[in-house]
């Protein structure tokens, strides 16, 4: 079967499948499309994080640290004590 035939047949099949299966196929296609920028993790809301986006974020964080924007261990310990206090 030629690639043209497979594309035509795939389009016809996509027109007939139910919404749940269509969503699964769509997710598979999007993952394949971004194969050159693999998914390396997920955020707290379940959204995928690509390698490129993750590296960009790490570079921004490193720049902030190099500019002195960070907490020392002592500062973090003080802040952590506030997290543990019961709210009134």
N, C-alpha and C. Protein backbone atom coordinates (compact mmCIF):
# COMPACT_ATOMS: atom_id res chain seq x y z
N UNK A 1 0.86 -1.17 0.00
CA UNK A 1 0.00 0.00 0.00
C UNK A 1 0.91 1.23 0.00
N UNK A 2 0.64 2.17 -0.87
CA UNK A 2 1.47 3.38 -0.96
C UNK A 2 1.13 4.34 0.19
N UNK A 3 2.02 5.31 0.40
CA UNK A 3 1.76 6.27 1.48
C UNK A 3 0.53 7.12 1.15
N UNK A 4 0.29 7.39 -0.12
CA UNK A 4 -0.91 8.15 -0.51
C UNK A 4 -2.16 7.35 -0.16
N UNK A 5 -2.13 6.04 -0.46
CA UNK A 5 -3.27 5.18 -0.13
C UNK A 5 -3.49 5.12 1.38
N UNK A 6 -2.39 5.00 2.13
CA UNK A 6 -2.52 4.94 3.60
C UNK A 6 -3.08 6.24 4.16
N UNK A 7 -2.65 7.38 3.63
CA UNK A 7 -3.17 8.66 4.10
C UNK A 7 -4.67 8.78 3.80
N UNK A 8 -5.06 8.39 2.59
CA UNK A 8 -6.47 8.46 2.20
C UNK A 8 -7.31 7.55 3.09
N UNK A 9 -6.85 6.32 3.27
CA UNK A 9 -7.60 5.38 4.10
C UNK A 9 -7.65 5.85 5.55
N UNK A 10 -6.54 6.39 6.06
CA UNK A 10 -6.50 6.88 7.44
C UNK A 10 -7.49 8.01 7.64
N UNK A 11 -7.58 8.92 6.68
CA UNK A 11 -8.54 10.01 6.79
C UNK A 11 -9.97 9.49 6.82
N UNK A 12 -10.24 8.47 6.02
CA UNK A 12 -11.59 7.89 5.99
C UNK A 12 -11.91 7.22 7.33
N UNK A 13 -10.94 6.53 7.89
CA UNK A 13 -11.15 5.87 9.18
C UNK A 13 -11.38 6.92 10.28
N UNK A 14 -10.58 7.99 10.25
CA UNK A 14 -10.73 9.04 11.26
C UNK A 14 -12.11 9.67 11.25
N UNK A 15 -12.73 9.71 10.08
CA UNK A 15 -14.08 10.26 9.98
C UNK A 15 -15.11 9.38 10.67
N UNK A 16 -14.79 8.09 10.86
CA UNK A 16 -15.77 7.15 11.41
C UNK A 16 -15.57 6.81 12.89
N UNK A 17 -14.41 7.11 13.47
CA UNK A 17 -14.16 6.68 14.85
C UNK A 17 -14.85 7.59 15.86
N UNK A 18 -15.07 7.05 17.07
CA UNK A 18 -15.75 7.83 18.11
C UNK A 18 -14.79 8.86 18.72
N UNK A 19 -15.35 9.77 19.52
CA UNK A 19 -14.59 10.90 20.07
C UNK A 19 -13.46 10.45 20.99
N UNK A 20 -13.70 9.44 21.83
CA UNK A 20 -12.67 8.98 22.77
C UNK A 20 -11.46 8.43 22.02
N UNK A 21 -11.73 7.61 21.00
CA UNK A 21 -10.61 7.04 20.24
C UNK A 21 -9.92 8.13 19.43
N UNK A 22 -10.69 9.08 18.92
CA UNK A 22 -10.10 10.20 18.19
C UNK A 22 -9.14 10.99 19.09
N UNK A 23 -9.52 11.20 20.34
CA UNK A 23 -8.66 11.91 21.29
C UNK A 23 -7.36 11.13 21.52
N UNK A 24 -7.45 9.81 21.61
CA UNK A 24 -6.25 8.99 21.80
C UNK A 24 -5.34 9.06 20.58
N UNK A 25 -5.92 8.99 19.40
CA UNK A 25 -5.14 9.08 18.16
C UNK A 25 -4.48 10.46 18.07
N UNK A 26 -5.23 11.49 18.42
CA UNK A 26 -4.69 12.84 18.38
C UNK A 26 -3.49 12.98 19.32
N UNK A 27 -3.61 12.45 20.54
CA UNK A 27 -2.50 12.51 21.50
C UNK A 27 -1.28 11.76 20.96
N UNK A 28 -1.52 10.62 20.36
CA UNK A 28 -0.42 9.84 19.77
C UNK A 28 0.26 10.63 18.66
N UNK A 29 -0.52 11.25 17.79
CA UNK A 29 0.05 12.03 16.69
C UNK A 29 0.83 13.23 17.20
N UNK A 30 0.31 13.92 18.22
CA UNK A 30 1.02 15.08 18.77
C UNK A 30 2.34 14.65 19.40
N UNK A 31 2.34 13.52 20.09
CA UNK A 31 3.56 13.01 20.69
C UNK A 31 4.58 12.67 19.60
N UNK A 32 4.12 12.01 18.55
CA UNK A 32 5.01 11.66 17.44
C UNK A 32 5.56 12.91 16.76
N UNK A 33 4.71 13.91 16.60
CA UNK A 33 5.10 15.15 15.93
C UNK A 33 6.24 15.84 16.69
N UNK A 34 6.25 15.73 18.01
CA UNK A 34 7.26 16.39 18.83
C UNK A 34 8.38 15.44 19.22
N UNK A 35 8.57 14.40 18.45
CA UNK A 35 9.57 13.39 18.77
C UNK A 35 10.98 13.97 18.80
N UNK A 36 11.25 15.00 17.99
CA UNK A 36 12.57 15.60 18.00
C UNK A 36 12.79 16.44 19.25
N UNK A 37 11.75 16.76 19.99
CA UNK A 37 11.83 17.45 21.26
C UNK A 37 11.04 16.62 22.27
N UNK A 38 11.67 15.59 22.81
CA UNK A 38 10.94 14.62 23.63
C UNK A 38 10.36 15.21 24.90
N UNK A 39 9.30 14.59 25.36
CA UNK A 39 8.69 14.94 26.63
C UNK A 39 9.54 14.32 27.73
N UNK A 40 9.97 15.14 28.68
CA UNK A 40 10.86 14.65 29.74
C UNK A 40 10.19 14.65 31.11
N UNK A 41 8.96 15.13 31.19
CA UNK A 41 8.25 15.15 32.45
C UNK A 41 6.92 15.88 32.30
N UNK A 42 6.28 16.09 33.44
CA UNK A 42 4.97 16.75 33.45
C UNK A 42 4.93 17.75 34.59
N UNK A 43 4.18 18.83 34.40
CA UNK A 43 4.04 19.81 35.47
C UNK A 43 2.97 19.32 36.46
N UNK A 44 2.69 20.13 37.46
CA UNK A 44 1.75 19.73 38.51
C UNK A 44 0.33 19.54 38.01
N UNK A 45 0.02 20.07 36.82
CA UNK A 45 -1.32 19.96 36.25
C UNK A 45 -1.40 18.86 35.19
N UNK A 46 -0.32 18.09 35.03
CA UNK A 46 -0.32 17.00 34.07
C UNK A 46 0.04 17.40 32.65
N UNK A 47 0.47 18.64 32.45
CA UNK A 47 0.87 19.09 31.12
C UNK A 47 2.30 18.62 30.82
N UNK A 48 2.54 18.13 29.62
CA UNK A 48 3.89 17.65 29.30
C UNK A 48 4.92 18.77 29.25
N UNK A 49 6.14 18.44 29.66
CA UNK A 49 7.27 19.37 29.60
C UNK A 49 8.28 18.78 28.62
N UNK A 50 8.58 19.52 27.56
CA UNK A 50 9.54 19.03 26.57
C UNK A 50 10.96 19.32 27.04
N UNK A 51 11.91 18.61 26.42
CA UNK A 51 13.31 18.80 26.76
C UNK A 51 13.74 20.24 26.53
N UNK A 52 13.35 20.81 25.41
CA UNK A 52 13.75 22.18 25.09
C UNK A 52 13.18 23.18 26.09
N UNK A 53 11.91 23.06 26.41
CA UNK A 53 11.28 23.97 27.37
C UNK A 53 11.91 23.80 28.75
N UNK A 54 12.23 22.58 29.13
CA UNK A 54 12.84 22.32 30.43
C UNK A 54 14.23 22.94 30.49
N UNK A 55 15.02 22.78 29.43
CA UNK A 55 16.35 23.39 29.40
C UNK A 55 16.25 24.91 29.46
N UNK A 56 15.29 25.49 28.76
CA UNK A 56 15.10 26.94 28.81
C UNK A 56 14.81 27.39 30.24
N UNK A 57 13.94 26.65 30.93
CA UNK A 57 13.60 26.98 32.32
C UNK A 57 14.83 26.87 33.21
N UNK A 58 15.62 25.81 33.05
CA UNK A 58 16.83 25.63 33.86
C UNK A 58 17.83 26.76 33.61
N UNK A 59 17.95 27.19 32.37
CA UNK A 59 18.86 28.28 32.05
C UNK A 59 18.40 29.58 32.71
N UNK A 60 17.07 29.84 32.70
CA UNK A 60 16.55 31.03 33.37
C UNK A 60 16.82 30.97 34.88
N UNK A 61 16.64 29.80 35.46
CA UNK A 61 16.89 29.64 36.90
C UNK A 61 18.37 29.85 37.22
N UNK A 62 19.25 29.30 36.39
CA UNK A 62 20.68 29.46 36.59
C UNK A 62 21.08 30.93 36.51
N UNK A 63 20.52 31.66 35.56
CA UNK A 63 20.80 33.09 35.45
C UNK A 63 20.37 33.82 36.71
N UNK A 64 19.21 33.47 37.26
CA UNK A 64 18.73 34.11 38.48
C UNK A 64 19.67 33.83 39.65
N UNK A 65 20.16 32.60 39.75
CA UNK A 65 21.10 32.26 40.81
C UNK A 65 22.39 33.05 40.64
N UNK A 66 22.88 33.14 39.41
CA UNK A 66 24.11 33.88 39.15
C UNK A 66 23.95 35.36 39.46
N UNK A 67 22.72 35.87 39.43
CA UNK A 67 22.45 37.26 39.75
C UNK A 67 22.17 37.45 41.25
N UNK A 68 22.29 36.37 42.01
CA UNK A 68 22.11 36.45 43.45
C UNK A 68 20.69 36.25 43.93
N UNK A 69 19.79 35.81 43.06
CA UNK A 69 18.40 35.58 43.44
C UNK A 69 18.21 34.14 43.89
N UNK A 70 18.47 33.90 45.18
CA UNK A 70 18.29 32.56 45.73
C UNK A 70 18.15 32.67 47.24
N UNK A 71 17.75 31.58 47.87
CA UNK A 71 17.67 31.50 49.32
C UNK A 71 18.83 30.66 49.83
N UNK A 72 19.43 31.09 50.94
CA UNK A 72 20.43 30.26 51.58
C UNK A 72 19.70 29.15 52.35
N UNK A 73 20.43 28.18 52.81
CA UNK A 73 19.82 27.09 53.57
C UNK A 73 19.20 27.65 54.85
N UNK A 74 19.88 28.58 55.48
CA UNK A 74 19.36 29.18 56.71
C UNK A 74 18.05 29.92 56.43
N UNK A 75 17.99 30.69 55.34
CA UNK A 75 16.76 31.41 54.97
C UNK A 75 15.62 30.44 54.67
N UNK A 76 15.95 29.35 54.02
CA UNK A 76 14.95 28.35 53.70
C UNK A 76 14.41 27.69 54.96
N UNK A 77 15.28 27.41 55.93
CA UNK A 77 14.84 26.82 57.19
C UNK A 77 13.87 27.76 57.93
N UNK A 78 14.19 29.06 57.93
CA UNK A 78 13.30 30.04 58.56
C UNK A 78 11.95 30.06 57.86
N UNK A 79 11.98 30.05 56.54
CA UNK A 79 10.74 30.07 55.78
C UNK A 79 9.93 28.79 56.01
N UNK A 80 10.63 27.66 56.11
CA UNK A 80 9.95 26.38 56.31
C UNK A 80 9.22 26.34 57.65
N UNK A 81 9.77 27.01 58.64
CA UNK A 81 9.09 27.05 59.95
C UNK A 81 7.73 27.73 59.82
N UNK A 82 7.63 28.72 58.94
CA UNK A 82 6.35 29.40 58.72
C UNK A 82 5.34 28.48 58.06
N UNK A 83 5.81 27.58 57.23
CA UNK A 83 4.90 26.65 56.55
C UNK A 83 4.24 25.71 57.53
N UNK A 84 4.96 25.40 58.62
CA UNK A 84 4.49 24.40 59.57
C UNK A 84 3.58 24.98 60.66
N UNK A 85 3.54 26.31 60.76
CA UNK A 85 2.69 26.93 61.79
C UNK A 85 1.22 26.76 61.40
N UNK A 86 0.40 26.36 62.36
CA UNK A 86 -1.03 26.24 62.06
C UNK A 86 -1.64 27.62 61.83
N UNK A 87 -2.56 27.67 60.91
CA UNK A 87 -3.25 28.93 60.64
C UNK A 87 -4.37 29.12 61.63
N UNK A 88 -4.63 30.35 61.98
CA UNK A 88 -5.68 30.62 62.98
C UNK A 88 -6.88 31.21 62.34
